[in-house]
Amino acid sequence: MCSNSLASIRKELKKQNPQPPPGNCPICNNYTENWILDHCHFNHSFRGYICNNCNLGLGKFNDDIEIVQKALLYLQSGYQNTSPPGFLTRFNKELNIYLDI
């Protein structure tokens, strides 16, 4: 898809989904005033507004859920011996609630 077509898709998505006021990013919870429109690159549906860092991070993972899950498992493996008792259990429970699984 040419960049002009992508630009028009983003423009239409922004028109249909106005930018929120400054606040916390739904992924990292960091405060931002500079929201980035996030959309599915496969079906061009609107997902929401996120901060620039999270947008770049998702982009680096090619919006691929399997890669993100592998990255999560990789990060969790580093916490096995260093995290406080119950940390991963609480983390996984919160993640499952967030992902609605």
C-alpha atoms as a PDB file:
ATOM      1  CA  MET A   1       0.000   0.000   0.000  1.00  0.00           C
ATOM      2  CA  CYS A   2       1.461   3.366  -0.967  1.00  0.00           C
ATOM      3  CA  SER A   3       2.262   5.932   1.686  1.00  0.00           C
ATOM      4  CA  ASN A   4      -0.423   8.343   0.379  1.00  0.00           C
ATOM      5  CA  SER A   5      -3.044   5.664   0.987  1.00  0.00           C
ATOM      6  CA  LEU A   6      -1.698   4.990   4.500  1.00  0.00           C
ATOM      7  CA  ALA A   7      -1.679   8.704   5.255  1.00  0.00           C
ATOM      8  CA  SER A   8      -5.310   9.015   4.210  1.00  0.00           C
ATOM      9  CA  ILE A   9      -6.240   5.995   6.368  1.00  0.00           C
ATOM     10  CA  ARG A  10      -4.516   7.552   9.407  1.00  0.00           C
ATOM     11  CA  LYS A  11      -6.163  10.903   8.695  1.00  0.00           C
ATOM     12  CA  GLU A  12      -9.612   9.279   8.571  1.00  0.00           C
ATOM     13  CA  LEU A  13      -8.928   7.286  11.774  1.00  0.00           C
ATOM     14  CA  LYS A  14      -7.894  10.500  13.560  1.00  0.00           C
ATOM     15  CA  LYS A  15     -11.048  12.199  12.330  1.00  0.00           C
ATOM     16  CA  GLN A  16     -13.221   9.336  13.638  1.00  0.00           C
ATOM     17  CA  ASN A  17     -11.260   9.003  16.904  1.00  0.00           C
ATOM     18  CA  PRO A  18     -10.254  12.375  18.376  1.00  0.00           C
ATOM     19  CA  GLN A  19      -7.067  12.547  20.391  1.00  0.00           C
ATOM     20  CA  PRO A  20      -7.587  12.271  24.164  1.00  0.00           C
ATOM     21  CA  PRO A  21      -6.434  14.954  26.592  1.00  0.00           C
ATOM     22  CA  PRO A  22      -2.968  14.545  28.138  1.00  0.00           C
ATOM     23  CA  GLY A  23      -2.790  11.536  30.424  1.00  0.00           C
ATOM     24  CA  ASN A  24      -1.212   8.157  31.052  1.00  0.00           C
ATOM     25  CA  CYS A  25      -0.404   5.711  28.287  1.00  0.00           C
ATOM     26  CA  PRO A  26      -2.567   2.560  28.498  1.00  0.00           C
ATOM     27  CA  ILE A  27       0.503   0.353  27.957  1.00  0.00           C
ATOM     28  CA  CYS A  28       3.321   1.826  30.067  1.00  0.00           C
ATOM     29  CA  ASN A  29       1.262   4.179  32.248  1.00  0.00           C
ATOM     30  CA  ASN A  30       3.724   7.046  31.614  1.00  0.00           C
ATOM     31  CA  TYR A  31       2.230  10.505  31.306  1.00  0.00           C
ATOM     32  CA  THR A  32       2.119  11.910  27.777  1.00  0.00           C
ATOM     33  CA  GLU A  33       0.850  15.006  26.050  1.00  0.00           C
ATOM     34  CA  ASN A  34       1.877  13.713  22.622  1.00  0.00           C
ATOM     35  CA  TRP A  35      -0.458  10.856  21.767  1.00  0.00           C
ATOM     36  CA  ILE A  36       0.254   8.603  18.796  1.00  0.00           C
ATOM     37  CA  LEU A  37      -2.656   7.022  16.956  1.00  0.00           C
ATOM     38  CA  ASP A  38      -2.224   3.246  17.021  1.00  0.00           C
ATOM     39  CA  HIS A  39      -3.898   1.102  14.402  1.00  0.00           C
ATOM     40  CA  CYS A  40      -3.725  -2.444  13.139  1.00  0.00           C
ATOM     41  CA  HIS A  41      -1.432  -2.587  10.128  1.00  0.00           C
ATOM     42  CA  PHE A  42      -3.305  -5.598   8.756  1.00  0.00           C
ATOM     43  CA  ASN A  43      -6.931  -4.424   8.728  1.00  0.00           C
ATOM     44  CA  HIS A  44      -6.310  -0.709   9.487  1.00  0.00           C
ATOM     45  CA  SER A  45      -8.686  -0.680  12.453  1.00  0.00           C
ATOM     46  CA  PHE A  46      -8.193   1.859  15.236  1.00  0.00           C
ATOM     47  CA  ARG A  47      -6.731   0.412  18.462  1.00  0.00           C
ATOM     48  CA  GLY A  48      -6.284   3.536  20.529  1.00  0.00           C
ATOM     49  CA  TYR A  49      -3.809   6.248  21.409  1.00  0.00           C
ATOM     50  CA  ILE A  50      -0.483   5.390  23.038  1.00  0.00           C
ATOM     51  CA  CYS A  51       2.759   7.196  23.840  1.00  0.00           C
ATOM     52  CA  ASN A  52       5.555   7.455  21.290  1.00  0.00           C
ATOM     53  CA  ASN A  53       7.838   4.996  23.114  1.00  0.00           C
ATOM     54  CA  CYS A  54       5.174   2.282  23.175  1.00  0.00           C
ATOM     55  CA  ASN A  55       4.321   2.957  19.541  1.00  0.00           C
ATOM     56  CA  LEU A  56       7.974   2.533  18.595  1.00  0.00           C
ATOM     57  CA  GLY A  57       8.210  -0.626  20.715  1.00  0.00           C
ATOM     58  CA  LEU A  58       5.190  -2.231  19.056  1.00  0.00           C
ATOM     59  CA  GLY A  59       6.593  -1.231  15.687  1.00  0.00           C
ATOM     60  CA  LYS A  60       9.921  -2.899  16.475  1.00  0.00           C
ATOM     61  CA  PHE A  61       7.958  -6.097  17.174  1.00  0.00           C
ATOM     62  CA  ASN A  62       6.099  -5.681  13.842  1.00  0.00           C
ATOM     63  CA  ASP A  63       2.788  -5.680  15.751  1.00  0.00           C
ATOM     64  CA  ASP A  64       3.272  -9.449  16.018  1.00  0.00           C
ATOM     65  CA  ILE A  65       1.567 -10.925  19.087  1.00  0.00           C
ATOM     66  CA  GLU A  66       3.774 -14.037  19.051  1.00  0.00           C
ATOM     67  CA  ILE A  67       6.946 -11.930  19.138  1.00  0.00           C
ATOM     68  CA  VAL A  68       5.546  -9.787  21.966  1.00  0.00           C
ATOM     69  CA  GLN A  69       4.620 -12.961  23.910  1.00  0.00           C
ATOM     70  CA  LYS A  70       8.129 -14.365  23.386  1.00  0.00           C
ATOM     71  CA  ALA A  71       9.603 -11.080  24.591  1.00  0.00           C
ATOM     72  CA  LEU A  72       7.379 -11.228  27.675  1.00  0.00           C
ATOM     73  CA  LEU A  73       8.487 -14.787  28.430  1.00  0.00           C
ATOM     74  CA  TYR A  74      12.099 -13.734  27.962  1.00  0.00           C
ATOM     75  CA  LEU A  75      11.692 -10.844  30.394  1.00  0.00           C
ATOM     76  CA  GLN A  76       9.848 -13.053  32.907  1.00  0.00           C
ATOM     77  CA  SER A  77      12.667 -15.595  32.830  1.00  0.00           C
ATOM     78  CA  GLY A  78      15.018 -12.933  34.178  1.00  0.00           C
ATOM     79  CA  TYR A  79      12.690 -12.343  37.148  1.00  0.00           C
ATOM     80  CA  GLN A  80      12.572 -15.987  38.231  1.00  0.00           C
ATOM     81  CA  ASN A  81      15.467 -15.658  40.687  1.00  0.00           C
ATOM     82  CA  THR A  82      15.348 -11.948  41.454  1.00  0.00           C
ATOM     83  CA  SER A  83      11.711 -11.041  41.961  1.00  0.00           C
ATOM     84  CA  PRO A  84       9.980 -10.961  45.350  1.00  0.00           C
ATOM     85  CA  PRO A  85       7.777 -13.959  46.248  1.00  0.00           C
ATOM     86  CA  GLY A  86       4.467 -13.906  44.413  1.00  0.00           C
ATOM     87  CA  PHE A  87       5.531 -11.198  41.966  1.00  0.00           C
ATOM     88  CA  LEU A  88       5.128 -13.275  38.805  1.00  0.00           C
ATOM     89  CA  THR A  89       1.828 -14.729  40.006  1.00  0.00           C
ATOM     90  CA  ARG A  90       0.434 -11.220  40.584  1.00  0.00           C
ATOM     91  CA  PHE A  91       1.965  -9.983  37.330  1.00  0.00           C
ATOM     92  CA  ASN A  92       0.486 -12.839  35.285  1.00  0.00           C
ATOM     93  CA  LYS A  93      -2.924 -12.412  36.928  1.00  0.00           C
ATOM     94  CA  GLU A  94      -2.958  -8.673  36.132  1.00  0.00           C
ATOM     95  CA  LEU A  95      -1.759  -9.356  32.579  1.00  0.00           C
ATOM     96  CA  ASN A  96      -4.483 -11.940  32.022  1.00  0.00           C
ATOM     97  CA  ILE A  97      -7.119  -9.506  33.293  1.00  0.00           C
ATOM     98  CA  TYR A  98      -5.764  -6.782  31.011  1.00  0.00           C
ATOM     99  CA  LEU A  99      -5.678  -9.142  28.014  1.00  0.00           C
ATOM    100  CA  ASP A 100      -9.087 -10.564  29.009  1.00  0.00           C
ATOM    101  CA  ILE A 101      -7.896 -14.169  28.903  1.00  0.00           C
END
